[in-house]
Amino acid sequence: MTEIIMETRPLPPAVERFVLHWGDMGSQWGVNRSVAQIQALLYLSERPLTAEQIAETLVMARSNVSNSLKELLGWRLIRRVPVMGDRRDHYEAETDLWEMVTRIAQGRKEREIDPAAAALRACLAEARGDARISPVAMKRLTEMGRFVETVEHWYDQMIAVPAPKIMALMRMGAKVANFLSFGRKDGQGG
């Protein structure tokens, strides 16, 4: 079997700017800059790329690319795809924006929100049996617990709503709030 050798070319300035900016944004969101840059490159790529092509294009160490690809696969933001005549792994990004956002939100919830909510529930359970907890602290823990439960319930409902309906809701923007307040400017419904 013959391997196809694909050459990498310099990125067009707009693509390079997007990849660099996406990397900066990723680091602000707590994602490794290299991971975000690779995801951006694959998102804009018209064909699947090998790890070697990614490393060469982004001028990254092959080991860094390999680790970043594993992380992106774990988030399900990219996938391995076969290329006829080439035994190497090739990667392509999820290009459906709604799927991408949903997977990121789900991953962040599982990694960040769920453990925090579990810790809060444990604190609440422990506080209920401790007479040394002040009424103010107990009230605030309880309010926070209710708030987190509401957010979790809302997330579970929203994740099940079809993307077109969510997009329509998002486009409505403030009209939804106005509808919920029945037209009152103070936001207090009747």
C-alpha atoms as a PDB file:
ATOM      1  CA  MET A   1       0.000   0.000   0.000  1.00  0.00           C
ATOM      2  CA  THR A   2       1.391   3.407  -0.947  1.00  0.00           C
ATOM      3  CA  GLU A   3       1.223   6.242   1.518  1.00  0.00           C
ATOM      4  CA  ILE A   4      -0.038   9.553   0.248  1.00  0.00           C
ATOM      5  CA  ILE A   5       2.260  12.403   1.179  1.00  0.00           C
ATOM      6  CA  MET A   6       0.457  15.683   1.594  1.00  0.00           C
ATOM      7  CA  GLU A   7       2.401  18.881   1.845  1.00  0.00           C
ATOM      8  CA  THR A   8       1.417  21.616   4.211  1.00  0.00           C
ATOM      9  CA  ARG A   9       1.274  25.192   3.026  1.00  0.00           C
ATOM     10  CA  PRO A  10       1.466  28.407   5.014  1.00  0.00           C
ATOM     11  CA  LEU A  11      -1.888  29.407   6.415  1.00  0.00           C
ATOM     12  CA  PRO A  12      -3.733  32.339   4.867  1.00  0.00           C
ATOM     13  CA  PRO A  13      -3.457  35.366   7.190  1.00  0.00           C
ATOM     14  CA  ALA A  14      -7.136  35.264   8.221  1.00  0.00           C
ATOM     15  CA  VAL A  15      -6.903  31.564   9.131  1.00  0.00           C
ATOM     16  CA  GLU A  16      -3.671  32.135  11.055  1.00  0.00           C
ATOM     17  CA  ARG A  17      -5.269  35.049  12.918  1.00  0.00           C
ATOM     18  CA  PHE A  18      -8.315  32.904  13.787  1.00  0.00           C
ATOM     19  CA  VAL A  19      -6.153  30.001  15.006  1.00  0.00           C
ATOM     20  CA  LEU A  20      -4.030  32.315  17.161  1.00  0.00           C
ATOM     21  CA  HIS A  21      -7.073  34.151  18.545  1.00  0.00           C
ATOM     22  CA  TRP A  22      -8.906  30.878  19.273  1.00  0.00           C
ATOM     23  CA  GLY A  23      -5.802  29.708  21.147  1.00  0.00           C
ATOM     24  CA  ASP A  24      -5.800  32.905  23.225  1.00  0.00           C
ATOM     25  CA  MET A  25      -9.508  32.534  23.954  1.00  0.00           C
ATOM     26  CA  GLY A  26      -8.996  28.891  24.902  1.00  0.00           C
ATOM     27  CA  SER A  27      -6.369  29.806  27.462  1.00  0.00           C
ATOM     28  CA  GLN A  28      -8.791  32.360  28.958  1.00  0.00           C
ATOM     29  CA  TRP A  29     -11.415  29.600  29.236  1.00  0.00           C
ATOM     30  CA  GLY A  30      -8.977  27.278  30.998  1.00  0.00           C
ATOM     31  CA  VAL A  31      -8.142  25.223  27.909  1.00  0.00           C
ATOM     32  CA  ASN A  32      -4.543  24.671  26.864  1.00  0.00           C
ATOM     33  CA  ARG A  33      -3.606  27.095  24.082  1.00  0.00           C
ATOM     34  CA  SER A  34      -2.286  24.289  21.855  1.00  0.00           C
ATOM     35  CA  VAL A  35      -5.512  22.302  22.239  1.00  0.00           C
ATOM     36  CA  ALA A  36      -7.585  25.318  21.187  1.00  0.00           C
ATOM     37  CA  GLN A  37      -5.295  26.135  18.246  1.00  0.00           C
ATOM     38  CA  ILE A  38      -5.450  22.566  16.935  1.00  0.00           C
ATOM     39  CA  GLN A  39      -9.230  22.534  17.232  1.00  0.00           C
ATOM     40  CA  ALA A  40      -9.403  25.840  15.332  1.00  0.00           C
ATOM     41  CA  LEU A  41      -7.079  24.580  12.586  1.00  0.00           C
ATOM     42  CA  LEU A  42      -9.090  21.381  12.138  1.00  0.00           C
ATOM     43  CA  TYR A  43     -12.358  23.336  12.221  1.00  0.00           C
ATOM     44  CA  LEU A  44     -11.249  25.491   9.288  1.00  0.00           C
ATOM     45  CA  SER A  45      -9.458  22.729   7.396  1.00  0.00           C
ATOM     46  CA  GLU A  46     -11.151  21.500   4.224  1.00  0.00           C
ATOM     47  CA  ARG A  47      -9.636  18.032   4.649  1.00  0.00           C
ATOM     48  CA  PRO A  48      -8.581  15.766   7.515  1.00  0.00           C
ATOM     49  CA  LEU A  49      -5.025  16.325   8.775  1.00  0.00           C
ATOM     50  CA  THR A  50      -2.423  14.039  10.318  1.00  0.00           C
ATOM     51  CA  ALA A  51      -0.672  14.846  13.574  1.00  0.00           C
ATOM     52  CA  GLU A  52       2.508  15.496  11.590  1.00  0.00           C
ATOM     53  CA  GLN A  53       0.725  18.004   9.332  1.00  0.00           C
ATOM     54  CA  ILE A  54      -0.750  19.746  12.363  1.00  0.00           C
ATOM     55  CA  ALA A  55       2.636  19.909  14.098  1.00  0.00           C
ATOM     56  CA  GLU A  56       4.314  21.300  10.988  1.00  0.00           C
ATOM     57  CA  THR A  57       1.570  23.830  10.239  1.00  0.00           C
ATOM     58  CA  LEU A  58       1.347  25.159  13.807  1.00  0.00           C
ATOM     59  CA  VAL A  59       5.075  24.754  14.527  1.00  0.00           C
ATOM     60  CA  MET A  60       4.408  22.591  17.580  1.00  0.00           C
ATOM     61  CA  ALA A  61       6.216  19.638  19.063  1.00  0.00           C
ATOM     62  CA  ARG A  62       4.755  16.343  17.863  1.00  0.00           C
ATOM     63  CA  SER A  63       4.276  15.195  21.494  1.00  0.00           C
ATOM     64  CA  ASN A  64       2.299  18.369  22.262  1.00  0.00           C
ATOM     65  CA  VAL A  65       0.091  17.738  19.231  1.00  0.00           C
ATOM     66  CA  SER A  66      -0.423  14.114  20.257  1.00  0.00           C
ATOM     67  CA  ASN A  67      -1.489  15.046  23.793  1.00  0.00           C
ATOM     68  CA  SER A  68      -3.733  17.821  22.490  1.00  0.00           C
ATOM     69  CA  LEU A  69      -5.408  15.454  20.026  1.00  0.00           C
ATOM     70  CA  LYS A  70      -6.135  13.011  22.864  1.00  0.00           C
ATOM     71  CA  GLU A  71      -7.790  15.802  24.840  1.00  0.00           C
ATOM     72  CA  LEU A  72      -9.867  16.924  21.852  1.00  0.00           C
ATOM     73  CA  LEU A  73     -10.917  13.320  21.197  1.00  0.00           C
ATOM     74  CA  GLY A  74     -11.959  13.071  24.859  1.00  0.00           C
ATOM     75  CA  TRP A  75     -14.141  16.154  24.465  1.00  0.00           C
ATOM     76  CA  ARG A  76     -15.465  14.657  21.199  1.00  0.00           C
ATOM     77  CA  LEU A  77     -14.625  17.881  19.367  1.00  0.00           C
ATOM     78  CA  ILE A  78     -12.590  15.974  16.774  1.00  0.00           C
ATOM     79  CA  ARG A  79     -12.620  12.445  15.388  1.00  0.00           C
ATOM     80  CA  ARG A  80     -10.239  10.066  13.655  1.00  0.00           C
ATOM     81  CA  VAL A  81     -11.098   9.418  10.032  1.00  0.00           C
ATOM     82  CA  PRO A  82      -9.598   6.956   7.577  1.00  0.00           C
ATOM     83  CA  VAL A  83      -7.982   8.206   4.371  1.00  0.00           C
ATOM     84  CA  MET A  84      -7.700   5.787   1.469  1.00  0.00           C
ATOM     85  CA  GLY A  85      -4.128   4.634   0.893  1.00  0.00           C
ATOM     86  CA  ASP A  86      -2.723   6.177   4.081  1.00  0.00           C
ATOM     87  CA  ARG A  87      -2.286   4.196   7.282  1.00  0.00           C
ATOM     88  CA  ARG A  88      -1.684   7.240   9.469  1.00  0.00           C
ATOM     89  CA  ASP A  89      -4.413   8.633  11.689  1.00  0.00           C
ATOM     90  CA  HIS A  90      -6.163  11.648  10.230  1.00  0.00           C
ATOM     91  CA  TYR A  91      -8.322  14.026  12.222  1.00  0.00           C
ATOM     92  CA  GLU A  92     -11.242  16.284  11.456  1.00  0.00           C
ATOM     93  CA  ALA A  93     -13.195  18.633  13.694  1.00  0.00           C
ATOM     94  CA  GLU A  94     -16.844  18.637  14.554  1.00  0.00           C
ATOM     95  CA  THR A  95     -18.159  21.408  12.312  1.00  0.00           C
ATOM     96  CA  ASP A  96     -21.757  21.563  13.512  1.00  0.00           C
ATOM     97  CA  LEU A  97     -21.579  24.611  15.769  1.00  0.00           C
ATOM     98  CA  TRP A  98     -24.496  23.542  17.920  1.00  0.00           C
ATOM     99  CA  GLU A  99     -22.948  20.103  18.490  1.00  0.00           C
ATOM    100  CA  MET A 100     -19.617  21.726  19.307  1.00  0.00           C
ATOM    101  CA  VAL A 101     -21.135  24.144  21.839  1.00  0.00           C
ATOM    102  CA  THR A 102     -23.282  21.397  23.356  1.00  0.00           C
ATOM    103  CA  ARG A 103     -20.290  19.073  23.800  1.00  0.00           C
ATOM    104  CA  ILE A 104     -18.206  21.834  25.361  1.00  0.00           C
ATOM    105  CA  ALA A 105     -21.039  22.781  27.734  1.00  0.00           C
ATOM    106  CA  GLN A 106     -21.629  19.149  28.654  1.00  0.00           C
ATOM    107  CA  GLY A 107     -17.920  18.525  29.240  1.00  0.00           C
ATOM    108  CA  ARG A 108     -17.509  21.644  31.361  1.00  0.00           C
ATOM    109  CA  LYS A 109     -20.600  20.772  33.379  1.00  0.00           C
ATOM    110  CA  GLU A 110     -19.293  17.260  34.055  1.00  0.00           C
ATOM    111  CA  ARG A 111     -15.785  18.464  34.947  1.00  0.00           C
ATOM    112  CA  GLU A 112     -16.603  21.650  36.851  1.00  0.00           C
ATOM    113  CA  ILE A 113     -20.253  22.139  37.805  1.00  0.00           C
ATOM    114  CA  ASP A 114     -21.153  18.579  38.837  1.00  0.00           C
ATOM    115  CA  PRO A 115     -18.252  18.208  41.327  1.00  0.00           C
ATOM    116  CA  ALA A 116     -19.002  21.654  42.793  1.00  0.00           C
ATOM    117  CA  ALA A 117     -22.697  20.755  43.138  1.00  0.00           C
ATOM    118  CA  ALA A 118     -21.814  17.443  44.801  1.00  0.00           C
ATOM    119  CA  ALA A 119     -19.498  19.233  47.247  1.00  0.00           C
ATOM    120  CA  LEU A 120     -22.245  21.754  48.046  1.00  0.00           C
ATOM    121  CA  ARG A 121     -24.762  18.953  48.683  1.00  0.00           C
ATOM    122  CA  ALA A 122     -22.255  17.267  51.017  1.00  0.00           C
ATOM    123  CA  CYS A 123     -21.697  20.564  52.877  1.00  0.00           C
ATOM    124  CA  LEU A 124     -25.446  21.045  53.227  1.00  0.00           C
ATOM    125  CA  ALA A 125     -25.949  17.523  54.547  1.00  0.00           C
ATOM    126  CA  GLU A 126     -23.144  17.988  57.061  1.00  0.00           C
ATOM    127  CA  ALA A 127     -24.376  21.449  58.089  1.00  0.00           C
ATOM    128  CA  ARG A 128     -27.909  20.185  58.799  1.00  0.00           C
ATOM    129  CA  GLY A 129     -26.585  17.975  61.585  1.00  0.00           C
ATOM    130  CA  ASP A 130     -24.260  20.570  63.116  1.00  0.00           C
ATOM    131  CA  ALA A 131     -25.735  22.887  65.751  1.00  0.00           C
ATOM    132  CA  ARG A 132     -22.650  25.130  65.457  1.00  0.00           C
ATOM    133  CA  ILE A 133     -23.723  26.313  61.991  1.00  0.00           C
ATOM    134  CA  SER A 134     -25.283  29.770  62.281  1.00  0.00           C
ATOM    135  CA  PRO A 135     -28.766  30.367  60.888  1.00  0.00           C
ATOM    136  CA  VAL A 136     -27.269  32.865  58.404  1.00  0.00           C
ATOM    137  CA  ALA A 137     -24.749  30.324  57.081  1.00  0.00           C
ATOM    138  CA  MET A 138     -27.448  27.634  56.883  1.00  0.00           C
ATOM    139  CA  LYS A 139     -29.808  29.980  55.031  1.00  0.00           C
ATOM    140  CA  ARG A 140     -27.122  30.936  52.504  1.00  0.00           C
ATOM    141  CA  LEU A 141     -26.030  27.327  51.944  1.00  0.00           C
ATOM    142  CA  THR A 142     -29.666  26.323  51.436  1.00  0.00           C
ATOM    143  CA  GLU A 143     -30.273  29.194  48.976  1.00  0.00           C
ATOM    144  CA  MET A 144     -27.157  28.257  47.055  1.00  0.00           C
ATOM    145  CA  GLY A 145     -28.241  24.614  47.013  1.00  0.00           C
ATOM    146  CA  ARG A 146     -31.652  25.558  45.596  1.00  0.00           C
ATOM    147  CA  PHE A 147     -30.036  27.795  43.005  1.00  0.00           C
ATOM    148  CA  VAL A 148     -27.655  25.042  41.863  1.00  0.00           C
ATOM    149  CA  GLU A 149     -30.542  22.552  41.681  1.00  0.00           C
ATOM    150  CA  THR A 150     -32.510  25.024  39.552  1.00  0.00           C
ATOM    151  CA  VAL A 151     -29.554  25.543  37.208  1.00  0.00           C
ATOM    152  CA  GLU A 152     -29.010  21.774  36.912  1.00  0.00           C
ATOM    153  CA  HIS A 153     -32.702  21.219  36.199  1.00  0.00           C
ATOM    154  CA  TRP A 154     -32.694  24.042  33.622  1.00  0.00           C
ATOM    155  CA  TYR A 155     -29.574  22.615  31.943  1.00  0.00           C
ATOM    156  CA  ASP A 156     -31.129  19.140  31.727  1.00  0.00           C
ATOM    157  CA  GLN A 157     -34.250  20.611  30.129  1.00  0.00           C
ATOM    158  CA  MET A 158     -32.411  22.876  27.702  1.00  0.00           C
ATOM    159  CA  ILE A 159     -29.981  20.204  26.499  1.00  0.00           C
ATOM    160  CA  ALA A 160     -33.003  18.168  25.385  1.00  0.00           C
ATOM    161  CA  VAL A 161     -34.557  21.001  23.355  1.00  0.00           C
ATOM    162  CA  PRO A 162     -33.837  20.695  19.618  1.00  0.00           C
ATOM    163  CA  ALA A 163     -31.211  23.138  18.330  1.00  0.00           C
ATOM    164  CA  PRO A 164     -33.574  25.038  15.991  1.00  0.00           C
ATOM    165  CA  LYS A 165     -35.902  25.821  18.903  1.00  0.00           C
ATOM    166  CA  ILE A 166     -33.004  27.005  21.078  1.00  0.00           C
ATOM    167  CA  MET A 167     -31.749  29.208  18.237  1.00  0.00           C
ATOM    168  CA  ALA A 168     -35.229  30.709  17.808  1.00  0.00           C
ATOM    169  CA  LEU A 169     -35.359  31.370  21.553  1.00  0.00           C
ATOM    170  CA  MET A 170     -31.927  33.002  21.459  1.00  0.00           C
ATOM    171  CA  ARG A 171     -32.930  35.211  18.526  1.00  0.00           C
ATOM    172  CA  MET A 172     -35.948  36.405  20.486  1.00  0.00           C
ATOM    173  CA  GLY A 173     -33.628  37.740  23.180  1.00  0.00           C
ATOM    174  CA  ALA A 174     -35.236  40.343  25.413  1.00  0.00           C
ATOM    175  CA  LYS A 175     -38.658  39.643  23.881  1.00  0.00           C
ATOM    176  CA  VAL A 176     -38.772  36.483  26.020  1.00  0.00           C
ATOM    177  CA  ALA A 177     -38.137  38.470  29.191  1.00  0.00           C
ATOM    178  CA  ASN A 178     -40.774  40.996  28.162  1.00  0.00           C
ATOM    179  CA  PHE A 179     -43.235  38.189  27.514  1.00  0.00           C
ATOM    180  CA  LEU A 180     -42.512  36.626  30.903  1.00  0.00           C
ATOM    181  CA  SER A 181     -43.048  39.928  32.668  1.00  0.00           C
ATOM    182  CA  PHE A 182     -46.276  40.423  30.714  1.00  0.00           C
ATOM    183  CA  GLY A 183     -45.046  43.712  29.316  1.00  0.00           C
ATOM    184  CA  ARG A 184     -44.236  45.319  32.688  1.00  0.00           C
ATOM    185  CA  LYS A 185     -41.003  47.279  32.554  1.00  0.00           C
ATOM    186  CA  ASP A 186     -40.036  46.504  36.153  1.00  0.00           C
ATOM    187  CA  GLY A 187     -39.728  42.790  35.350  1.00  0.00           C
ATOM    188  CA  GLN A 188     -42.230  41.890  38.089  1.00  0.00           C
ATOM    189  CA  GLY A 189     -44.905  39.636  36.656  1.00  0.00           C
ATOM    190  CA  GLY A 190     -48.442  39.601  37.986  1.00  0.00           C
END
